[in-house]
Amino acid sequence: MNGRATADRISHIDGHPPVIHNCALSTGGARDAAISATVFAMTKVRQAVGEWGERLAERHLRAQGLVVLHRNWRCPDGEVDLILRDGADIVFCEVKTRRSKLFGTPAEAIGPDKVRRLRRLAHIWLAQSAVHPREIRFDVVEVRPQSQGTPVVEHIRAAF
């Protein structure tokens, strides 16, 4: 090994969050390289868990009759997880996935800075689109995997 952590693959079973397999630190390299590689592997797992949560949230919202206009819409100022149409209304949706409540509920992770950023992104999207909604709404979808059984998906309408 060369002083780096290796993550052979990231996998998931439908209905369960992704898991990293064969992640190991070598003992033969520089400590900084090993730490950097470990952080990289952990970031990849976090991204995979987030993407998994977004797919579940999208499926849940579609089942409720919302129409997805954009997934992971980006501009230089940031990203919106989901932009949807709910009848004549446009919904900007933030998806939060948490594997534990150690740091609070998923929705509690959305602070004032994130709310301001999402409002600014909504303004930019509306200015760029030809859509003129009756109203706009900001929703949050919490995704909480369970050790056994189906993940909990909670849709918080008009969260802020």
Protein backbone atom coordinates (compact mmCIF):
# COMPACT_ATOMS: atom_id res chain seq x y z
CA MET A 1 0.00 0.00 0.00
CA ASN A 2 1.09 3.58 -0.50
CA GLY A 3 -0.09 5.49 2.57
CA ARG A 4 -3.60 6.08 1.30
CA ALA A 5 -6.97 4.77 2.32
CA THR A 6 -8.65 2.65 -0.27
CA ALA A 7 -12.34 2.38 -0.87
CA ASP A 8 -12.84 -0.51 -3.24
CA ARG A 9 -16.48 0.23 -3.83
CA ILE A 10 -19.50 2.02 -2.49
CA SER A 11 -22.70 0.05 -2.72
CA HIS A 12 -26.24 0.13 -1.48
CA ILE A 13 -29.18 -2.18 -1.31
CA ASP A 14 -32.41 -0.54 -2.43
CA GLY A 15 -34.12 0.93 0.59
CA HIS A 16 -30.89 1.17 2.60
CA PRO A 17 -28.19 3.84 2.61
CA PRO A 18 -24.91 3.26 0.79
CA VAL A 19 -22.10 1.49 2.62
CA ILE A 20 -18.40 1.72 1.95
CA HIS A 21 -16.62 -1.62 1.59
CA ASN A 22 -12.97 -2.55 2.11
CA CYS A 23 -11.90 0.82 3.46
CA ALA A 24 -8.53 0.46 5.13
CA LEU A 25 -5.68 2.72 6.12
CA SER A 26 -2.20 1.57 5.27
CA THR A 27 0.49 1.89 7.90
CA GLY A 28 3.32 2.40 5.45
CA GLY A 29 2.77 6.02 4.38
CA ALA A 30 2.68 9.53 5.67
CA ARG A 31 0.05 10.27 8.30
CA ASP A 32 -1.25 13.31 6.41
CA ALA A 33 -1.81 11.31 3.23
CA ALA A 34 -3.70 8.66 5.18
CA ILE A 35 -5.89 11.24 6.90
CA SER A 36 -6.57 13.00 3.61
CA ALA A 37 -7.52 9.73 1.93
CA THR A 38 -9.80 8.80 4.84
CA VAL A 39 -11.58 12.16 4.65
CA PHE A 40 -11.97 11.67 0.89
CA ALA A 41 -13.50 8.21 1.42
CA MET A 42 -15.85 9.54 4.12
CA THR A 43 -16.89 12.41 1.83
CA LYS A 44 -17.69 9.92 -0.94
CA VAL A 45 -19.88 7.94 1.47
CA ARG A 46 -21.65 11.13 2.60
CA GLN A 47 -22.27 12.10 -1.03
CA ALA A 48 -23.60 8.64 -1.83
CA VAL A 49 -25.93 8.75 1.19
CA GLY A 50 -27.15 12.21 0.12
CA GLU A 51 -27.80 11.07 -3.45
CA TRP A 52 -29.65 8.01 -2.14
CA GLY A 53 -31.82 10.28 0.05
CA GLU A 54 -32.55 12.58 -2.88
CA ARG A 55 -33.72 9.63 -5.00
CA LEU A 56 -36.05 8.47 -2.19
CA ALA A 57 -37.35 12.02 -1.67
CA GLU A 58 -38.02 12.44 -5.39
CA ARG A 59 -39.90 9.13 -5.52
CA HIS A 60 -41.94 10.15 -2.45
CA LEU A 61 -42.85 13.56 -3.89
CA ARG A 62 -43.79 12.10 -7.29
CA ALA A 63 -46.08 9.65 -5.48
CA GLN A 64 -47.77 12.67 -3.87
CA GLY A 65 -48.47 14.11 -7.33
CA LEU A 66 -45.69 16.70 -7.59
CA VAL A 67 -43.93 17.05 -10.94
CA VAL A 68 -40.14 17.28 -10.94
CA LEU A 69 -38.87 20.17 -13.07
CA HIS A 70 -35.20 19.98 -12.05
CA ARG A 71 -33.04 17.77 -9.87
CA ASN A 72 -29.82 19.29 -8.49
CA TRP A 73 -30.28 22.58 -10.36
CA ARG A 74 -27.03 24.55 -10.17
CA CYS A 75 -25.86 28.08 -10.81
CA PRO A 76 -22.72 29.91 -9.65
CA ASP A 77 -24.46 30.81 -6.36
CA GLY A 78 -25.34 27.24 -5.34
CA GLU A 79 -27.64 24.29 -5.85
CA VAL A 80 -31.29 23.41 -5.24
CA ASP A 81 -31.93 19.70 -4.64
CA LEU A 82 -35.37 19.56 -6.27
CA ILE A 83 -37.55 22.08 -8.09
CA LEU A 84 -41.09 20.84 -8.54
CA ARG A 85 -44.53 21.90 -9.69
CA ASP A 86 -47.44 21.35 -7.34
CA GLY A 87 -50.48 22.37 -9.36
CA ALA A 88 -49.93 26.05 -10.21
CA ASP A 89 -47.26 26.46 -7.52
CA ILE A 90 -43.49 26.02 -7.75
CA VAL A 91 -41.75 24.19 -4.91
CA PHE A 92 -38.07 24.55 -4.06
CA CYS A 93 -37.16 21.53 -1.99
CA GLU A 94 -34.15 20.84 0.22
CA VAL A 95 -33.52 17.16 0.97
CA LYS A 96 -31.69 16.23 4.16
CA THR A 97 -30.61 12.68 4.92
CA ARG A 98 -29.25 11.75 8.33
CA ARG A 99 -28.17 8.32 9.51
CA SER A 100 -28.58 9.26 13.18
CA LYS A 101 -30.10 11.95 15.38
CA LEU A 102 -26.75 12.59 17.05
CA PHE A 103 -26.66 16.09 15.56
CA GLY A 104 -30.43 16.68 15.57
CA THR A 105 -33.09 16.03 12.99
CA PRO A 106 -32.30 16.50 9.30
CA ALA A 107 -34.44 19.66 9.08
CA GLU A 108 -32.56 21.22 12.00
CA ALA A 109 -29.46 21.24 9.79
CA ILE A 110 -31.03 23.96 7.66
CA GLY A 111 -29.93 27.18 9.30
CA PRO A 112 -30.62 30.84 8.46
CA ASP A 113 -27.73 31.03 5.97
CA LYS A 114 -29.07 28.05 4.02
CA VAL A 115 -32.59 29.54 4.03
CA ARG A 116 -31.24 32.84 2.64
CA ARG A 117 -29.25 30.98 -0.01
CA LEU A 118 -32.27 28.90 -1.08
CA ARG A 119 -34.43 32.02 -1.34
CA ARG A 120 -31.75 33.72 -3.46
CA LEU A 121 -31.45 30.63 -5.70
CA ALA A 122 -35.24 30.53 -6.12
CA HIS A 123 -35.18 34.16 -7.23
CA ILE A 124 -32.44 33.39 -9.77
CA TRP A 125 -34.27 30.32 -11.10
CA LEU A 126 -37.53 32.23 -11.47
CA ALA A 127 -35.75 35.08 -13.28
CA GLN A 128 -34.18 32.60 -15.72
CA SER A 129 -37.25 30.47 -16.35
CA ALA A 130 -40.39 31.19 -18.30
CA VAL A 131 -42.45 29.94 -15.37
CA HIS A 132 -44.77 32.38 -13.59
CA PRO A 133 -46.19 30.49 -10.61
CA ARG A 134 -49.20 31.49 -8.61
CA GLU A 135 -47.11 30.97 -5.47
CA ILE A 136 -43.73 29.58 -4.50
CA ARG A 137 -43.07 27.33 -1.55
CA PHE A 138 -40.00 26.03 0.24
CA ASP A 139 -40.30 22.44 1.41
CA VAL A 140 -37.93 20.11 3.22
CA VAL A 141 -37.84 16.34 2.90
CA GLU A 142 -36.17 14.44 5.73
CA VAL A 143 -34.85 10.98 4.98
CA ARG A 144 -33.90 8.80 7.93
CA PRO A 145 -32.64 5.27 7.25
CA GLN A 146 -33.71 2.64 9.76
CA SER A 147 -31.55 -0.23 10.95
CA GLN A 148 -34.35 -2.55 9.85
CA GLY A 149 -37.22 -1.90 7.50
CA THR A 150 -38.10 0.99 5.27
CA PRO A 151 -36.48 4.40 5.66
CA VAL A 152 -38.60 7.18 7.12
CA VAL A 153 -39.35 9.92 4.57
CA GLU A 154 -41.06 13.00 5.97
CA HIS A 155 -42.25 15.85 3.75
CA ILE A 156 -42.42 19.21 5.54
CA ARG A 157 -44.48 21.58 3.39
CA ALA A 158 -43.79 25.32 3.61
CA ALA A 159 -40.90 24.66 6.00
CA PHE A 160 -39.72 28.29 5.78
